[in-house]
Protein backbone atom coordinates (compact mmCIF):
# COMPACT_ATOMS: atom_id res chain seq x y z
CA MET A 1 12.28 -6.66 -24.13
CA THR A 2 12.66 -3.78 -21.67
CA ALA A 3 14.75 -0.93 -23.05
CA ILE A 4 17.87 0.00 -21.11
CA PRO A 5 18.89 3.69 -21.02
CA GLN A 6 21.93 4.75 -23.03
CA GLY A 7 24.04 5.49 -19.94
CA ARG A 8 23.38 2.05 -18.53
CA THR A 9 24.09 0.51 -21.94
CA ARG A 10 27.54 2.13 -21.94
CA ARG A 11 28.22 0.80 -18.45
CA ILE A 12 27.13 -2.69 -19.43
CA GLY A 13 29.33 -2.49 -22.56
CA LEU A 14 32.31 -1.45 -20.45
CA LEU A 15 31.60 -4.25 -18.00
CA GLY A 16 31.52 -6.70 -20.91
CA ALA A 17 34.88 -5.46 -22.15
CA VAL A 18 36.43 -5.86 -18.70
CA CYS A 19 34.97 -9.34 -18.38
CA ALA A 20 36.33 -10.34 -21.79
CA LEU A 21 39.78 -9.08 -20.81
CA ALA A 22 39.64 -10.97 -17.53
CA VAL A 23 38.62 -14.19 -19.24
CA THR A 24 41.23 -13.81 -21.98
CA GLY A 25 44.06 -12.89 -19.65
CA THR A 26 43.43 -15.14 -16.66
CA GLY A 27 40.82 -17.71 -17.56
CA LEU A 28 38.55 -16.35 -14.80
CA THR A 29 34.79 -16.48 -15.25
CA GLY A 30 31.76 -15.10 -13.43
CA CYS A 31 31.21 -11.70 -15.05
CA SER A 32 27.65 -10.97 -16.12
CA ASP A 33 25.68 -8.28 -17.95
CA ASP A 34 22.53 -9.14 -15.97
CA PRO A 35 21.14 -5.74 -14.85
CA ASP A 36 19.63 -7.39 -11.73
CA GLU A 37 22.89 -8.93 -10.56
CA GLY A 38 23.99 -7.44 -7.26
CA THR A 39 20.65 -5.67 -6.73
CA ASN A 40 17.85 -6.33 -4.26
CA GLY A 41 16.07 -8.31 -7.00
CA VAL A 42 12.85 -6.32 -7.23
CA GLY A 43 13.58 -5.50 -10.88
CA LYS A 44 12.62 -9.06 -11.76
CA LEU A 45 9.16 -8.76 -10.20
CA PRO A 46 5.86 -7.76 -11.83
CA ALA A 47 5.02 -4.07 -11.50
CA ASP A 48 2.25 -4.57 -8.93
CA GLN A 49 4.60 -6.48 -6.64
CA ILE A 50 7.25 -3.78 -7.00
CA GLN A 51 4.72 -1.15 -5.96
CA THR A 52 3.67 -3.26 -2.97
CA LYS A 53 7.26 -3.73 -1.82
CA ALA A 54 8.02 -0.04 -2.29
CA LYS A 55 5.03 0.93 -0.14
CA ALA A 56 6.01 -1.59 2.53
CA ALA A 57 9.59 -0.28 2.60
CA ALA A 58 8.33 3.31 2.92
CA GLU A 59 5.96 2.41 5.73
CA SER A 60 8.72 0.62 7.64
CA ALA A 61 11.08 3.62 7.54
CA ASP A 62 10.90 5.97 10.53
CA ALA A 63 12.13 9.02 8.59
CA VAL A 64 12.38 10.46 5.08
CA ARG A 65 13.10 13.70 3.25
CA LEU A 66 10.57 14.70 0.62
CA SER A 67 11.12 17.51 -1.88
CA GLY A 68 9.54 18.72 -5.09
CA ASN A 69 6.22 20.07 -6.33
CA VAL A 70 2.66 18.96 -5.68
CA VAL A 71 -0.35 20.33 -7.55
CA THR A 72 -3.64 20.02 -5.71
CA SER A 73 -6.95 21.88 -6.01
CA GLY A 74 -5.43 24.06 -8.72
CA ARG A 75 -2.55 25.22 -6.50
CA THR A 76 1.12 24.31 -6.79
CA TYR A 77 3.01 23.68 -3.57
CA LYS A 78 6.79 23.45 -3.47
CA LEU A 79 7.83 21.19 -0.60
CA ASP A 80 11.09 20.49 1.17
CA MET A 81 10.14 18.49 4.26
CA ARG A 82 11.89 16.11 6.64
CA LEU A 83 9.36 13.75 8.13
CA LYS A 84 9.36 11.19 10.92
CA ASP A 85 6.75 9.22 12.85
CA ASP A 86 6.17 11.90 15.50
CA GLY A 87 6.40 15.05 13.41
CA GLY A 88 8.30 16.92 10.74
CA SER A 89 9.85 20.20 9.69
CA GLY A 90 10.64 22.07 6.52
CA SER A 91 9.41 24.68 4.10
CA VAL A 92 6.37 25.07 1.85
CA THR A 93 6.02 27.63 -0.95
CA ALA A 94 2.62 28.45 -2.41
CA GLU A 95 1.55 31.39 -4.58
CA GLY A 96 4.92 33.04 -4.14
CA ALA A 97 4.86 32.88 -0.33
CA THR A 98 7.20 30.64 1.62
CA PHE A 99 6.58 29.52 5.18
CA ARG A 100 8.17 27.04 7.54
CA LEU A 101 6.33 24.27 9.36
CA LEU A 102 7.34 22.43 12.49
CA ARG A 103 5.28 19.74 14.18
CA ILE A 104 6.31 17.90 17.32
CA GLY A 105 3.64 15.41 18.31
CA ASP A 106 0.35 17.34 18.30
CA GLN A 107 2.00 20.76 18.49
CA LEU A 108 2.17 22.56 15.14
CA PHE A 109 4.10 25.78 14.55
CA LEU A 110 4.08 28.00 11.45
CA LYS A 111 6.76 30.61 10.75
CA ALA A 112 6.35 33.24 8.02
CA ASP A 113 7.01 36.90 7.28
CA ALA A 114 4.61 39.81 7.74
CA GLU A 115 3.56 39.71 4.10
CA PHE A 116 2.26 36.17 4.53
CA TRP A 117 0.18 37.15 7.56
CA SER A 118 -1.19 40.30 5.89
CA HIS A 119 -2.59 38.31 2.97
CA GLU A 120 -6.27 38.94 2.23
CA ASP A 121 -7.24 36.28 4.77
CA GLY A 122 -5.71 38.54 7.39
CA LYS A 123 -8.01 41.51 6.79
CA SER A 124 -9.99 42.88 9.68
CA ASP A 125 -13.79 43.20 9.78
CA ASP A 126 -13.72 46.61 8.04
CA GLY A 127 -11.67 45.19 5.14
CA THR A 128 -8.35 46.76 6.11
CA THR A 129 -5.24 44.75 6.70
CA ASP A 130 -4.31 44.27 10.35
CA THR A 131 -0.68 45.28 9.87
CA ALA A 132 -0.04 45.44 13.60
CA ALA A 133 -0.92 41.76 13.99
CA ALA A 134 1.11 40.87 10.90
CA ASP A 135 4.15 42.70 12.22
CA LYS A 136 3.81 40.91 15.55
CA LEU A 137 3.87 37.54 13.80
CA ASP A 138 6.71 38.40 11.41
CA GLY A 139 9.47 35.80 11.71
CA LYS A 140 7.91 34.12 14.75
CA PHE A 141 6.88 30.50 15.25
CA VAL A 142 3.12 30.82 15.61
CA LYS A 143 1.48 27.96 17.46
CA VAL A 144 -1.47 26.69 15.43
CA PRO A 145 -4.41 25.65 17.63
CA GLN A 146 -5.76 22.18 16.91
CA GLY A 147 -9.29 23.56 16.60
CA ASP A 148 -8.29 26.13 14.00
CA PRO A 149 -9.11 25.28 10.34
CA SER A 150 -5.48 25.93 9.45
CA TYR A 151 -4.31 23.08 11.68
CA LYS A 152 -5.65 20.30 9.49
CA LYS A 153 -4.57 22.07 6.30
CA PHE A 154 -0.97 22.61 7.36
CA SER A 155 -0.35 19.59 9.59
CA GLY A 156 -0.87 17.31 6.59
CA PHE A 157 2.40 18.60 5.15
CA THR A 158 4.19 17.32 8.26
CA ASP A 159 2.53 13.91 8.51
CA LYS A 160 4.69 11.18 6.98
CA ASP A 161 1.97 8.53 6.87
CA VAL A 162 -0.66 10.85 5.42
CA LEU A 163 1.63 12.17 2.70
CA LEU A 164 3.07 8.82 1.66
CA SER A 165 -0.24 6.97 1.64
CA GLY A 166 -1.68 9.62 -0.65
CA LEU A 167 1.30 9.80 -2.98
CA LEU A 168 2.71 6.31 -3.50
CA THR A 169 -0.14 4.92 -5.60
CA LEU A 170 -0.03 4.79 -9.38
CA HIS A 171 -3.28 4.79 -11.31
CA GLY A 172 -4.37 2.46 -14.08
CA GLU A 173 -2.66 -0.65 -15.41
CA LEU A 174 0.80 -1.09 -13.94
CA SER A 175 3.88 -2.00 -15.98
CA THR A 176 7.65 -1.76 -15.73
CA ASP A 177 9.56 0.85 -17.74
CA GLY A 178 13.19 -0.15 -17.65
CA TYR A 179 16.24 0.50 -15.50
CA HIS A 180 17.17 4.03 -14.52
CA GLU A 181 19.16 6.00 -11.93
CA GLN A 182 18.25 8.50 -9.27
CA SER A 183 21.16 10.47 -7.74
CA GLY A 184 23.54 7.65 -8.57
CA THR A 185 21.31 4.86 -7.23
CA PRO A 186 20.06 2.27 -9.75
CA THR A 187 16.29 2.04 -9.97
CA ILE A 188 13.52 0.12 -11.64
CA ARG A 189 10.69 2.31 -12.95
CA ILE A 190 7.06 1.33 -12.83
CA THR A 191 4.23 3.25 -14.49
CA GLY A 192 0.47 3.46 -14.45
CA ASP A 193 -1.21 3.40 -17.86
CA ASP A 194 2.14 3.85 -19.66
CA GLY A 195 2.96 6.94 -17.61
CA SER A 196 -0.31 8.87 -17.71
CA GLY A 197 -1.18 7.31 -14.35
CA GLY A 198 2.17 8.26 -12.84
CA LYS A 199 5.75 7.00 -12.74
CA LEU A 200 7.66 5.69 -9.74
CA ASP A 201 11.39 4.91 -9.52
CA VAL A 202 12.18 2.25 -6.92
CA SER A 203 15.65 1.63 -5.52
CA LEU A 204 17.50 -1.52 -6.62
CA ASP A 205 20.09 -0.94 -3.90
CA GLY A 206 19.23 -2.16 -0.40
CA LYS A 207 15.60 -1.80 0.57
CA PRO A 208 13.26 -1.01 -2.35
CA TYR A 209 12.52 2.53 -1.25
CA PRO A 210 10.67 4.93 -3.57
CA LEU A 211 13.17 7.50 -4.87
CA ARG A 212 11.27 9.56 -7.44
CA LEU A 213 7.62 10.03 -8.28
CA GLU A 214 5.92 11.72 -11.22
CA ARG A 215 2.29 12.09 -10.21
CA ALA A 216 -0.55 11.27 -12.58
CA GLY A 217 -1.94 14.06 -14.72
CA GLY A 218 1.08 16.31 -14.31
CA ALA A 219 0.25 16.85 -10.62
CA GLY A 220 3.87 17.29 -9.59
CA THR A 221 7.21 15.54 -9.23
CA LEU A 222 8.76 14.50 -5.93
CA THR A 223 12.04 12.96 -4.83
CA PHE A 224 12.56 10.93 -1.67
CA SER A 225 15.85 10.61 0.20
CA GLY A 226 17.25 10.00 3.65
CA TRP A 227 15.07 6.98 4.25
CA GLY A 228 15.57 5.85 7.86
CA THR A 229 17.99 8.72 8.62
CA SER A 230 16.92 10.10 11.99
CA PHE A 231 16.91 13.80 12.88
CA THR A 232 15.96 15.92 15.89
CA LEU A 233 12.85 18.04 16.22
CA GLU A 234 13.32 20.89 18.69
CA LYS A 235 10.60 23.11 20.10
CA PRO A 236 11.31 26.81 19.41
CA ASP A 237 12.31 29.07 22.30
CA LYS A 238 9.57 31.02 24.06
CA ASP A 239 10.89 34.35 22.76
CA GLU A 240 10.53 32.99 19.22
CA THR A 241 6.97 31.77 19.74
CA VAL A 242 3.55 33.42 19.59
CA ASP A 243 0.53 31.61 21.01
CA TYR A 244 -2.86 32.99 19.94
CA GLY A 245 -4.83 30.51 21.99
CA LYS A 246 -7.80 28.86 20.31
CA GLN A 247 -7.80 30.62 16.93
CA LEU A 248 -5.32 32.30 14.61
CA PRO A 249 -6.04 35.89 13.55
CA THR A 250 -6.04 34.80 9.88
CA SER A 251 -8.84 32.22 10.27
């Protein structure tokens, strides 16, 4: 039998007490301690079907907010991104440096301080830091050319389909791991290889959207919110923008 968390057990116990009072006092019936009652029903499904429905719900949504940590290639990235079909915006922190990303269609902009731009990648041919260039870019939205190596690296953080397709897959044998909550929303948790292959909390309220993910191998934890909540992406003003043409000075 699937274990039910203590908090949910208390709620079910309270519900049972209320039901007993209603039956005793009025003769009414219909109360239930079924944890799936009033939900979207995915909690009753096998784990593989829950994962399939969660992916389908995510793919059908035109917007989402994604926040948390991702570990890849030995680096930890802290993300807080709002994503939609035609772009995204938000912040990324890596190795102590925080920068903002904005993509509208194919146009990608990166905004960071002078310290970010004067990192070792920004050294000139003689090995000295080009502080003049770094100062020029400080606090500006720098347009990233599509042919620059940085474009592919950074645009992936703003691509909803790329991020979700790479994240929402658990590894190993799938199973369910009880009923939980995420920010007040009831969820059903599924795991890969009893958790070592990742854990995914799926909403039991409305569409079965993914709400929380623990990646396999300790590769980060992410939360998802604002599914289907639209937002506006606005191109920065010209006086806030620097265009270096075909290649960034840090490449």
